[in-house]
Structure formats: C-alpha cells, structure tokens
C-alpha cells in the first residue's frame, strides 16, 4: 500500500472504527487500543496506516501520543466522489421515469 493510499486505509473496518472514535474527540493511543479486542501492536499498525494516509495526526504529550482526526483528507475524498454521486442521481432519476411510465 502506498503511504498515502486513502482507499486502502479506509478499506479496513478497524481503521474506520478508529476514525469514528476520533470524530468525537482526540484520543491517546492507549484509549484507542483498549477499545478493541486486538493487541496493541496491531492497533499501532492501524494508527500508522491512518497517519501515513493523512487521515490522522499525532501529537506527543509526555509519554503519550494523542491522535486527532484530519477531516481535510476526508473532504478531498468527498470532492472526488461528488461526480459519482451525480451519476447515480441521474441514473436513479431515469429509473424513476421508466417506472412511472410503466405504472400509467
């Protein structure tokens, strides 16, 4: 996986859950790890993938690392996906038109 591969980072359900946690507020690494039934090294790897993809930032606070959501990276994704939303909206409108013609 490339260091900044946003889609690969988001493909993993554990990483998506971590992002959901960070959406609420920043968390220290230990808090994040305690929320999962996997070992700390596995969570550490997930956090690294998120950081390399630009989805999180980390700040050292003494011996702890505090992780923050970088929502700007998700905005980039939303902007990229927007044309696809328009495509599906047009397709669904066309389907509605066909269904309405058949019901008359």
PDB file of N, CA and C in Angstrom:
ATOM      1  N   UNK A   1       0.847  -1.178   0.000  1.00  0.00           N
ATOM      2  CA  UNK A   1       0.000   0.000   0.000  1.00  0.00           C
ATOM      3  C   UNK A   1       0.890   1.238   0.000  1.00  0.00           C
ATOM      4  N   UNK A   2       0.570   2.174  -0.883  1.00  0.00           N
ATOM      5  CA  UNK A   2       1.311   3.433  -0.916  1.00  0.00           C
ATOM      6  C   UNK A   2       1.057   4.191   0.384  1.00  0.00           C
ATOM      7  N   UNK A   3       2.027   5.005   0.777  1.00  0.00           N
ATOM      8  CA  UNK A   3       1.926   5.724   2.040  1.00  0.00           C
ATOM      9  C   UNK A   3       0.665   6.570   2.146  1.00  0.00           C
ATOM     10  N   UNK A   4       0.180   7.081   1.029  1.00  0.00           N
ATOM     11  CA  UNK A   4      -0.972   7.981   1.095  1.00  0.00           C
ATOM     12  C   UNK A   4      -2.222   7.365   0.473  1.00  0.00           C
ATOM     13  N   UNK A   5      -2.321   6.045   0.441  1.00  0.00           N
ATOM     14  CA  UNK A   5      -3.449   5.374  -0.193  1.00  0.00           C
ATOM     15  C   UNK A   5      -4.687   5.459   0.696  1.00  0.00           C
ATOM     16  N   UNK A   6      -5.483   6.449   0.426  1.00  0.00           N
ATOM     17  CA  UNK A   6      -6.667   6.730   1.223  1.00  0.00           C
ATOM     18  C   UNK A   6      -7.664   5.575   1.180  1.00  0.00           C
ATOM     19  N   UNK A   7      -7.890   5.024  -0.001  1.00  0.00           N
ATOM     20  CA  UNK A   7      -8.871   3.951  -0.127  1.00  0.00           C
ATOM     21  C   UNK A   7      -8.436   2.695   0.614  1.00  0.00           C
ATOM     22  N   UNK A   8      -7.178   2.351   0.546  1.00  0.00           N
ATOM     23  CA  UNK A   8      -6.687   1.174   1.269  1.00  0.00           C
ATOM     24  C   UNK A   8      -6.797   1.399   2.775  1.00  0.00           C
ATOM     25  N   UNK A   9      -6.526   2.614   3.218  1.00  0.00           N
ATOM     26  CA  UNK A   9      -6.632   2.907   4.652  1.00  0.00           C
ATOM     27  C   UNK A   9      -8.074   2.785   5.122  1.00  0.00           C
ATOM     28  N   UNK A  10      -9.006   3.227   4.319  1.00  0.00           N
ATOM     29  CA  UNK A  10     -10.422   3.192   4.697  1.00  0.00           C
ATOM     30  C   UNK A  10     -11.056   1.826   4.500  1.00  0.00           C
ATOM     31  N   UNK A  11     -10.393   0.942   3.789  1.00  0.00           N
ATOM     32  CA  UNK A  11     -10.961  -0.379   3.499  1.00  0.00           C
ATOM     33  C   UNK A  11     -11.070  -1.256   4.740  1.00  0.00           C
ATOM     34  N   UNK A  12     -10.271  -0.979   5.732  1.00  0.00           N
ATOM     35  CA  UNK A  12     -10.236  -1.830   6.921  1.00  0.00           C
ATOM     36  C   UNK A  12     -11.259  -1.360   7.960  1.00  0.00           C
ATOM     37  N   UNK A  13     -12.135  -2.264   8.433  1.00  0.00           N
ATOM     38  CA  UNK A  13     -13.166  -1.849   9.397  1.00  0.00           C
ATOM     39  C   UNK A  13     -12.604  -1.352  10.729  1.00  0.00           C
ATOM     40  N   UNK A  14     -11.477  -1.894  11.168  1.00  0.00           N
ATOM     41  CA  UNK A  14     -10.875  -1.414  12.417  1.00  0.00           C
ATOM     42  C   UNK A  14     -10.443   0.035  12.260  1.00  0.00           C
ATOM     43  N   UNK A  15      -9.836   0.361  11.136  1.00  0.00           N
ATOM     44  CA  UNK A  15      -9.398   1.738  10.914  1.00  0.00           C
ATOM     45  C   UNK A  15     -10.595   2.687  10.803  1.00  0.00           C
ATOM     46  N   UNK A  16     -11.672   2.229  10.192  1.00  0.00           N
ATOM     47  CA  UNK A  16     -12.865   3.069  10.121  1.00  0.00           C
ATOM     48  C   UNK A  16     -13.432   3.318  11.522  1.00  0.00           C
ATOM     49  N   UNK A  17     -13.405   2.300  12.371  1.00  0.00           N
ATOM     50  CA  UNK A  17     -13.877   2.483  13.761  1.00  0.00           C
ATOM     51  C   UNK A  17     -12.982   3.456  14.518  1.00  0.00           C
ATOM     52  N   UNK A  18     -11.689   3.391  14.272  1.00  0.00           N
ATOM     53  CA  UNK A  18     -10.770   4.342  14.913  1.00  0.00           C
ATOM     54  C   UNK A  18     -11.121   5.760  14.480  1.00  0.00           C
ATOM     55  N   UNK A  19     -11.379   5.952  13.200  1.00  0.00           N
ATOM     56  CA  UNK A  19     -11.751   7.279  12.709  1.00  0.00           C
ATOM     57  C   UNK A  19     -13.058   7.762  13.336  1.00  0.00           C
ATOM     58  N   UNK A  20     -13.999   6.837  13.521  1.00  0.00           N
ATOM     59  CA  UNK A  20     -15.253   7.208  14.181  1.00  0.00           C
ATOM     60  C   UNK A  20     -15.000   7.670  15.614  1.00  0.00           C
ATOM     61  N   UNK A  21     -14.091   7.004  16.293  1.00  0.00           N
ATOM     62  CA  UNK A  21     -13.734   7.430  17.654  1.00  0.00           C
ATOM     63  C   UNK A  21     -13.133   8.833  17.631  1.00  0.00           C
ATOM     64  N   UNK A  22     -12.222   9.047  16.686  1.00  0.00           N
ATOM     65  CA  UNK A  22     -11.529  10.331  16.618  1.00  0.00           C
ATOM     66  C   UNK A  22     -12.452  11.451  16.152  1.00  0.00           C
ATOM     67  N   UNK A  23     -13.534  11.099  15.491  1.00  0.00           N
ATOM     68  CA  UNK A  23     -14.509  12.110  15.075  1.00  0.00           C
ATOM     69  C   UNK A  23     -15.133  12.768  16.306  1.00  0.00           C
ATOM     70  N   UNK A  24     -15.266  11.997  17.376  1.00  0.00           N
ATOM     71  CA  UNK A  24     -15.864  12.517  18.605  1.00  0.00           C
ATOM     72  C   UNK A  24     -14.913  13.453  19.350  1.00  0.00           C
ATOM     73  N   UNK A  25     -13.651  13.037  19.430  1.00  0.00           N
ATOM     74  CA  UNK A  25     -12.632  13.816  20.145  1.00  0.00           C
ATOM     75  C   UNK A  25     -11.280  13.127  19.941  1.00  0.00           C
ATOM     76  N   UNK A  26     -10.185  13.846  20.201  1.00  0.00           N
ATOM     77  CA  UNK A  26      -8.871  13.203  20.146  1.00  0.00           C
ATOM     78  C   UNK A  26      -8.770  12.121  21.228  1.00  0.00           C
ATOM     79  N   UNK A  27      -7.972  11.097  20.957  1.00  0.00           N
ATOM     80  CA  UNK A  27      -7.762  10.009  21.914  1.00  0.00           C
ATOM     81  C   UNK A  27      -6.268   9.707  22.007  1.00  0.00           C
ATOM     82  N   UNK A  28      -5.863   9.275  23.189  1.00  0.00           N
ATOM     83  CA  UNK A  28      -4.493   8.772  23.324  1.00  0.00           C
ATOM     84  C   UNK A  28      -4.478   7.337  22.794  1.00  0.00           C
ATOM     85  N   UNK A  29      -3.311   6.891  22.396  1.00  0.00           N
ATOM     86  CA  UNK A  29      -3.179   5.568  21.780  1.00  0.00           C
ATOM     87  C   UNK A  29      -3.713   4.468  22.689  1.00  0.00           C
ATOM     88  N   UNK A  30      -3.468   4.574  23.971  1.00  0.00           N
ATOM     89  CA  UNK A  30      -3.941   3.549  24.912  1.00  0.00           C
ATOM     90  C   UNK A  30      -5.449   3.448  24.955  1.00  0.00           C
ATOM     91  N   UNK A  31      -6.130   4.580  24.883  1.00  0.00           N
ATOM     92  CA  UNK A  31      -7.599   4.569  24.848  1.00  0.00           C
ATOM     93  C   UNK A  31      -8.101   3.860  23.600  1.00  0.00           C
ATOM     94  N   UNK A  32      -7.452   4.148  22.501  1.00  0.00           N
ATOM     95  CA  UNK A  32      -7.858   3.526  21.240  1.00  0.00           C
ATOM     96  C   UNK A  32      -7.663   2.023  21.330  1.00  0.00           C
ATOM     97  N   UNK A  33      -6.484   1.618  21.788  1.00  0.00           N
ATOM     98  CA  UNK A  33      -6.176   0.183  21.870  1.00  0.00           C
ATOM     99  C   UNK A  33      -7.138  -0.530  22.810  1.00  0.00           C
ATOM    100  N   UNK A  34      -7.521   0.117  23.908  1.00  0.00           N
ATOM    101  CA  UNK A  34      -8.413  -0.513  24.882  1.00  0.00           C
ATOM    102  C   UNK A  34      -9.817  -0.745  24.322  1.00  0.00           C
ATOM    103  N   UNK A  35     -10.154  -0.085  23.234  1.00  0.00           N
ATOM    104  CA  UNK A  35     -11.486  -0.218  22.638  1.00  0.00           C
ATOM    105  C   UNK A  35     -11.607  -1.394  21.681  1.00  0.00           C
ATOM    106  N   UNK A  36     -10.520  -2.116  21.480  1.00  0.00           N
ATOM    107  CA  UNK A  36     -10.510  -3.212  20.509  1.00  0.00           C
ATOM    108  C   UNK A  36     -10.016  -4.500  21.154  1.00  0.00           C
ATOM    109  N   UNK A  37     -10.440  -5.605  20.570  1.00  0.00           N
ATOM    110  CA  UNK A  37     -10.027  -6.923  21.061  1.00  0.00           C
ATOM    111  C   UNK A  37      -8.804  -7.453  20.315  1.00  0.00           C
ATOM    112  N   UNK A  38      -7.915  -6.557  19.934  1.00  0.00           N
ATOM    113  CA  UNK A  38      -6.662  -6.960  19.299  1.00  0.00           C
ATOM    114  C   UNK A  38      -5.518  -6.376  20.123  1.00  0.00           C
ATOM    115  N   UNK A  39      -4.319  -6.874  19.887  1.00  0.00           N
ATOM    116  CA  UNK A  39      -3.195  -6.406  20.691  1.00  0.00           C
ATOM    117  C   UNK A  39      -2.751  -5.001  20.285  1.00  0.00           C
ATOM    118  N   UNK A  40      -2.016  -4.375  21.188  1.00  0.00           N
ATOM    119  CA  UNK A  40      -1.560  -3.004  20.964  1.00  0.00           C
ATOM    120  C   UNK A  40      -0.709  -2.843  19.701  1.00  0.00           C
ATOM    121  N   UNK A  41       0.194  -3.785  19.402  1.00  0.00           N
ATOM    122  CA  UNK A  41       0.968  -3.621  18.165  1.00  0.00           C
ATOM    123  C   UNK A  41       0.086  -3.566  16.916  1.00  0.00           C
ATOM    124  N   UNK A  42      -1.009  -4.329  16.908  1.00  0.00           N
ATOM    125  CA  UNK A  42      -1.913  -4.303  15.755  1.00  0.00           C
ATOM    126  C   UNK A  42      -2.573  -2.928  15.646  1.00  0.00           C
ATOM    127  N   UNK A  43      -3.008  -2.374  16.762  1.00  0.00           N
ATOM    128  CA  UNK A  43      -3.616  -1.042  16.742  1.00  0.00           C
ATOM    129  C   UNK A  43      -2.584   0.000  16.338  1.00  0.00           C
ATOM    130  N   UNK A  44      -1.376  -0.171  16.800  1.00  0.00           N
ATOM    131  CA  UNK A  44      -0.301   0.749  16.429  1.00  0.00           C
ATOM    132  C   UNK A  44      -0.088   0.749  14.913  1.00  0.00           C
ATOM    133  N   UNK A  45      -0.153  -0.418  14.307  1.00  0.00           N
ATOM    134  CA  UNK A  45      -0.012  -0.508  12.846  1.00  0.00           C
ATOM    135  C   UNK A  45      -1.176   0.202  12.152  1.00  0.00           C
ATOM    136  N   UNK A  46      -2.386   0.007  12.661  1.00  0.00           N
ATOM    137  CA  UNK A  46      -3.544   0.682  12.080  1.00  0.00           C
ATOM    138  C   UNK A  46      -3.389   2.197  12.194  1.00  0.00           C
ATOM    139  N   UNK A  47      -2.917   2.665  13.337  1.00  0.00           N
ATOM    140  CA  UNK A  47      -2.714   4.097  13.524  1.00  0.00           C
ATOM    141  C   UNK A  47      -1.659   4.638  12.575  1.00  0.00           C
ATOM    142  N   UNK A  48      -0.635   3.862  12.325  1.00  0.00           N
ATOM    143  CA  UNK A  48       0.404   4.288  11.389  1.00  0.00           C
ATOM    144  C   UNK A  48      -0.157   4.396   9.973  1.00  0.00           C
ATOM    145  N   UNK A  49      -0.967   3.431   9.564  1.00  0.00           N
ATOM    146  CA  UNK A  49      -1.578   3.471   8.233  1.00  0.00           C
ATOM    147  C   UNK A  49      -2.447   4.726   8.105  1.00  0.00           C
ATOM    148  N   UNK A  50      -3.232   5.016   9.125  1.00  0.00           N
ATOM    149  CA  UNK A  50      -4.085   6.205   9.092  1.00  0.00           C
ATOM    150  C   UNK A  50      -3.259   7.482   9.028  1.00  0.00           C
ATOM    151  N   UNK A  51      -2.170   7.507   9.782  1.00  0.00           N
ATOM    152  CA  UNK A  51      -1.299   8.685   9.773  1.00  0.00           C
ATOM    153  C   UNK A  51      -0.641   8.865   8.417  1.00  0.00           C
ATOM    154  N   UNK A  52      -0.123   7.771   7.836  1.00  0.00           N
ATOM    155  CA  UNK A  52       0.536   7.862   6.539  1.00  0.00           C
ATOM    156  C   UNK A  52      -0.437   8.255   5.419  1.00  0.00           C
ATOM    157  N   UNK A  53      -1.691   7.886   5.587  1.00  0.00           N
ATOM    158  CA  UNK A  53      -2.712   8.261   4.602  1.00  0.00           C
ATOM    159  C   UNK A  53      -3.191   9.698   4.814  1.00  0.00           C
ATOM    160  N   UNK A  54      -2.709  10.337   5.864  1.00  0.00           N
ATOM    161  CA  UNK A  54      -3.079  11.708   6.142  1.00  0.00           C
ATOM    162  C   UNK A  54      -4.431  11.853   6.814  1.00  0.00           C
ATOM    163  N   UNK A  55      -4.980  10.758   7.321  1.00  0.00           N
ATOM    164  CA  UNK A  55      -6.291  10.798   7.969  1.00  0.00           C
ATOM    165  C   UNK A  55      -6.221  11.179   9.438  1.00  0.00           C
ATOM    166  N   UNK A  56      -5.050  11.031  10.027  1.00  0.00           N
ATOM    167  CA  UNK A  56      -4.861  11.406  11.423  1.00  0.00           C
ATOM    168  C   UNK A  56      -3.558  12.165  11.581  1.00  0.00           C
ATOM    169  N   UNK A  57      -3.485  12.867  12.676  1.00  0.00           N
ATOM    170  CA  UNK A  57      -2.223  13.463  13.097  1.00  0.00           C
ATOM    171  C   UNK A  57      -1.984  12.993  14.524  1.00  0.00           C
ATOM    172  N   UNK A  58      -0.744  13.006  14.917  1.00  0.00           N
ATOM    173  CA  UNK A  58      -0.427  12.619  16.294  1.00  0.00           C
ATOM    174  C   UNK A  58       0.422  13.705  16.930  1.00  0.00           C
ATOM    175  N   UNK A  59       0.177  13.895  18.197  1.00  0.00           N
ATOM    176  CA  UNK A  59       0.913  14.888  18.977  1.00  0.00           C
ATOM    177  C   UNK A  59       1.437  14.177  20.213  1.00  0.00           C
ATOM    178  N   UNK A  60       2.720  14.322  20.463  1.00  0.00           N
ATOM    179  CA  UNK A  60       3.290  13.742  21.678  1.00  0.00           C
ATOM    180  C   UNK A  60       2.965  14.641  22.853  1.00  0.00           C
ATOM    181  N   UNK A  61       2.471  14.014  23.914  1.00  0.00           N
ATOM    182  CA  UNK A  61       2.168  14.722  25.154  1.00  0.00           C
ATOM    183  C   UNK A  61       2.800  13.896  26.268  1.00  0.00           C
ATOM    184  N   UNK A  62       4.019  14.268  26.601  1.00  0.00           N
ATOM    185  CA  UNK A  62       4.775  13.455  27.553  1.00  0.00           C
ATOM    186  C   UNK A  62       5.072  12.107  26.923  1.00  0.00           C
ATOM    187  N   UNK A  63       4.686  11.054  27.633  1.00  0.00           N
ATOM    188  CA  UNK A  63       4.916   9.695  27.116  1.00  0.00           C
ATOM    189  C   UNK A  63       3.765   9.208  26.248  1.00  0.00           C
ATOM    190  N   UNK A  64       2.707   9.992  26.168  1.00  0.00           N
ATOM    191  CA  UNK A  64       1.536   9.591  25.400  1.00  0.00           C
ATOM    192  C   UNK A  64       1.543  10.221  24.017  1.00  0.00           C
ATOM    193  N   UNK A  65       0.842   9.534  23.107  1.00  0.00           N
ATOM    194  CA  UNK A  65       0.616  10.082  21.778  1.00  0.00           C
ATOM    195  C   UNK A  65      -0.879  10.292  21.635  1.00  0.00           C
ATOM    196  N   UNK A  66      -1.234  11.517  21.310  1.00  0.00           N
ATOM    197  CA  UNK A  66      -2.643  11.866  21.147  1.00  0.00           C
ATOM    198  C   UNK A  66      -2.943  11.913  19.655  1.00  0.00           C
ATOM    199  N   UNK A  67      -3.982  11.202  19.254  1.00  0.00           N
ATOM    200  CA  UNK A  67      -4.360  11.139  17.846  1.00  0.00           C
ATOM    201  C   UNK A  67      -5.580  12.005  17.585  1.00  0.00           C
ATOM    202  N   UNK A  68      -5.506  12.742  16.487  1.00  0.00           N
ATOM    203  CA  UNK A  68      -6.562  13.652  16.060  1.00  0.00           C
ATOM    204  C   UNK A  68      -6.995  13.269  14.653  1.00  0.00           C
ATOM    205  N   UNK A  69      -8.262  13.454  14.353  1.00  0.00           N
ATOM    206  CA  UNK A  69      -8.782  13.241  13.009  1.00  0.00           C
ATOM    207  C   UNK A  69      -8.356  14.397  12.121  1.00  0.00           C
ATOM    208  N   UNK A  70      -7.922  14.091  10.912  1.00  0.00           N
ATOM    209  CA  UNK A  70      -7.631  15.114   9.911  1.00  0.00           C
ATOM    210  C   UNK A  70      -8.762  15.067   8.889  1.00  0.00           C
ATOM    211  N   UNK A  71      -9.830  15.807   9.168  1.00  0.00           N
ATOM    212  CA  UNK A  71     -11.030  15.769   8.335  1.00  0.00           C
ATOM    213  C   UNK A  71     -10.788  16.348   6.945  1.00  0.00           C
ATOM    214  N   UNK A  72      -9.765  17.164   6.779  1.00  0.00           N
ATOM    215  CA  UNK A  72      -9.483  17.746   5.462  1.00  0.00           C
ATOM    216  C   UNK A  72      -9.233  16.646   4.430  1.00  0.00           C
ATOM    217  N   UNK A  73      -8.606  15.583   4.846  1.00  0.00           N
ATOM    218  CA  UNK A  73      -8.324  14.466   3.923  1.00  0.00           C
ATOM    219  C   UNK A  73      -9.626  13.801   3.487  1.00  0.00           C
ATOM    220  N   UNK A  74     -10.594  13.705   4.397  1.00  0.00           N
ATOM    221  CA  UNK A  74     -11.892  13.142   4.049  1.00  0.00           C
ATOM    222  C   UNK A  74     -12.650  14.075   3.112  1.00  0.00           C
ATOM    223  N   UNK A  75     -12.445  15.376   3.249  1.00  0.00           N
ATOM    224  CA  UNK A  75     -13.077  16.334   2.344  1.00  0.00           C
ATOM    225  C   UNK A  75     -12.562  16.135   0.925  1.00  0.00           C
ATOM    226  N   UNK A  76     -11.266  15.842   0.791  1.00  0.00           N
ATOM    227  CA  UNK A  76     -10.708  15.542  -0.528  1.00  0.00           C
ATOM    228  C   UNK A  76     -11.434  14.353  -1.149  1.00  0.00           C
ATOM    229  N   UNK A  77     -11.681  13.337  -0.346  1.00  0.00           N
ATOM    230  CA  UNK A  77     -12.392  12.158  -0.821  1.00  0.00           C
ATOM    231  C   UNK A  77     -13.813  12.522  -1.231  1.00  0.00           C
ATOM    232  N   UNK A  78     -14.486  13.316  -0.428  1.00  0.00           N
ATOM    233  CA  UNK A  78     -15.859  13.724  -0.744  1.00  0.00           C
ATOM    234  C   UNK A  78     -15.901  14.485  -2.066  1.00  0.00           C
ATOM    235  N   UNK A  79     -14.945  15.353  -2.285  1.00  0.00           N
ATOM    236  CA  UNK A  79     -14.888  16.104  -3.539  1.00  0.00           C
ATOM    237  C   UNK A  79     -14.639  15.180  -4.725  1.00  0.00           C
ATOM    238  N   UNK A  80     -13.811  14.186  -4.546  1.00  0.00           N
ATOM    239  CA  UNK A  80     -13.534  13.230  -5.622  1.00  0.00           C
ATOM    240  C   UNK A  80     -14.776  12.394  -5.924  1.00  0.00           C
ATOM    241  N   UNK A  81     -15.527  12.035  -4.889  1.00  0.00           N
ATOM    242  CA  UNK A  81     -16.719  11.194  -5.063  1.00  0.00           C
ATOM    243  C   UNK A  81     -17.927  11.951  -5.609  1.00  0.00           C
ATOM    244  N   UNK A  82     -17.935  13.256  -5.496  1.00  0.00           N
ATOM    245  CA  UNK A  82     -19.102  14.047  -5.885  1.00  0.00           C
ATOM    246  C   UNK A  82     -19.593  13.762  -7.314  1.00  0.00           C
ATOM    247  N   UNK A  83     -18.735  13.687  -8.318  1.00  0.00           N
ATOM    248  CA  UNK A  83     -19.238  13.378  -9.663  1.00  0.00           C
ATOM    249  C   UNK A  83     -19.930  12.010  -9.735  1.00  0.00           C
ATOM    250  N   UNK A  84     -19.499  11.074  -8.936  1.00  0.00           N
ATOM    251  CA  UNK A  84     -20.136   9.758  -8.924  1.00  0.00           C
ATOM    252  C   UNK A  84     -21.519   9.843  -8.292  1.00  0.00           C
ATOM    253  N   UNK A  85     -21.677  10.702  -7.291  1.00  0.00           N
ATOM    254  CA  UNK A  85     -22.997  10.926  -6.697  1.00  0.00           C
ATOM    255  C   UNK A  85     -23.951  11.480  -7.744  1.00  0.00           C
ATOM    256  N   UNK A  86     -23.465  12.412  -8.553  1.00  0.00           N
ATOM    257  CA  UNK A  86     -24.291  12.984  -9.611  1.00  0.00           C
ATOM    258  C   UNK A  86     -24.678  11.910 -10.629  1.00  0.00           C
ATOM    259  N   UNK A  87     -23.737  11.060 -10.962  1.00  0.00           N
ATOM    260  CA  UNK A  87     -24.007   9.975 -11.913  1.00  0.00           C
ATOM    261  C   UNK A  87     -25.150   9.097 -11.405  1.00  0.00           C
ATOM    262  N   UNK A  88     -25.067   8.679 -10.139  1.00  0.00           N
ATOM    263  CA  UNK A  88     -26.096   7.799  -9.598  1.00  0.00           C
ATOM    264  C   UNK A  88     -27.423   8.512  -9.424  1.00  0.00           C
ATOM    265  N   UNK A  89     -27.390   9.791  -9.115  1.00  0.00           N
ATOM    266  CA  UNK A  89     -28.635  10.545  -9.014  1.00  0.00           C
ATOM    267  C   UNK A  89     -29.331  10.585 -10.372  1.00  0.00           C
ATOM    268  N   UNK A  90     -28.560  10.793 -11.433  1.00  0.00           N
ATOM    269  CA  UNK A  90     -29.131  10.809 -12.780  1.00  0.00           C
ATOM    270  C   UNK A  90     -29.690   9.437 -13.150  1.00  0.00           C
ATOM    271  N   UNK A  91     -28.966   8.398 -12.800  1.00  0.00           N
ATOM    272  CA  UNK A  91     -29.422   7.038 -13.111  1.00  0.00           C
ATOM    273  C   UNK A  91     -30.719   6.709 -12.369  1.00  0.00           C
ATOM    274  N   UNK A  92     -30.791   7.098 -11.107  1.00  0.00           N
ATOM    275  CA  UNK A  92     -31.998   6.836 -10.326  1.00  0.00           C
ATOM    276  C   UNK A  92     -33.182   7.658 -10.836  1.00  0.00           C
ATOM    277  N   UNK A  93     -32.920   8.883 -11.274  1.00  0.00           N
ATOM    278  CA  UNK A  93     -33.986   9.696 -11.871  1.00  0.00           C
ATOM    279  C   UNK A  93     -34.514   9.025 -13.140  1.00  0.00           C
ATOM    280  N   UNK A  94     -33.610   8.501 -13.958  1.00  0.00           N
ATOM    281  CA  UNK A  94     -34.028   7.813 -15.188  1.00  0.00           C
ATOM    282  C   UNK A  94     -34.843   6.573 -14.848  1.00  0.00           C
ATOM    283  N   UNK A  95     -34.447   5.832 -13.835  1.00  0.00           N
ATOM    284  CA  UNK A  95     -35.194   4.649 -13.417  1.00  0.00           C
ATOM    285  C   UNK A  95     -36.581   5.039 -12.925  1.00  0.00           C
ATOM    286  N   UNK A  96     -36.653   6.112 -12.159  1.00  0.00           N
ATOM    287  CA  UNK A  96     -37.963   6.597 -11.681  1.00  0.00           C
ATOM    288  C   UNK A  96     -38.864   6.939 -12.850  1.00  0.00           C
ATOM    289  N   UNK A  97     -38.305   7.605 -13.854  1.00  0.00           N
ATOM    290  CA  UNK A  97     -39.101   7.947 -15.045  1.00  0.00           C
ATOM    291  C   UNK A  97     -39.637   6.695 -15.727  1.00  0.00           C
ATOM    292  N   UNK A  98     -38.804   5.675 -15.869  1.00  0.00           N
ATOM    293  CA  UNK A  98     -39.237   4.432 -16.502  1.00  0.00           C
ATOM    294  C   UNK A  98     -40.331   3.759 -15.676  1.00  0.00           C
ATOM    295  N   UNK A  99     -40.159   3.701 -14.385  1.00  0.00           N
ATOM    296  CA  UNK A  99     -41.141   3.073 -13.509  1.00  0.00           C
ATOM    297  C   UNK A  99     -42.467   3.831 -13.524  1.00  0.00           C
ATOM    298  N   UNK A 100     -42.384   5.166 -13.569  1.00  0.00           N
ATOM    299  CA  UNK A 100     -43.603   5.963 -13.617  1.00  0.00           C
ATOM    300  C   UNK A 100     -44.340   5.758 -14.931  1.00  0.00           C
ATOM    301  N   UNK A 101     -43.634   5.586 -16.036  1.00  0.00           N
ATOM    302  CA  UNK A 101     -44.268   5.339 -17.343  1.00  0.00           C
ATOM    303  C   UNK A 101     -44.970   3.986 -17.344  1.00  0.00           C
ATOM    304  N   UNK A 102     -44.328   2.994 -16.713  1.00  0.00           N
ATOM    305  CA  UNK A 102     -44.907   1.653 -16.682  1.00  0.00           C
ATOM    306  C   UNK A 102     -46.144   1.568 -15.798  1.00  0.00           C
ATOM    307  N   UNK A 103     -46.253   2.431 -14.804  1.00  0.00           N
ATOM    308  CA  UNK A 103     -47.387   2.352 -13.894  1.00  0.00           C
ATOM    309  C   UNK A 103     -48.613   3.135 -14.403  1.00  0.00           C
ATOM    310  N   UNK A 104     -48.435   3.861 -15.496  1.00  0.00           N
ATOM    311  CA  UNK A 104     -49.582   4.606 -16.044  1.00  0.00           C
ATOM    312  C   UNK A 104     -50.302   3.871 -17.127  1.00  0.00           C
TER     313      UNK A 104
END
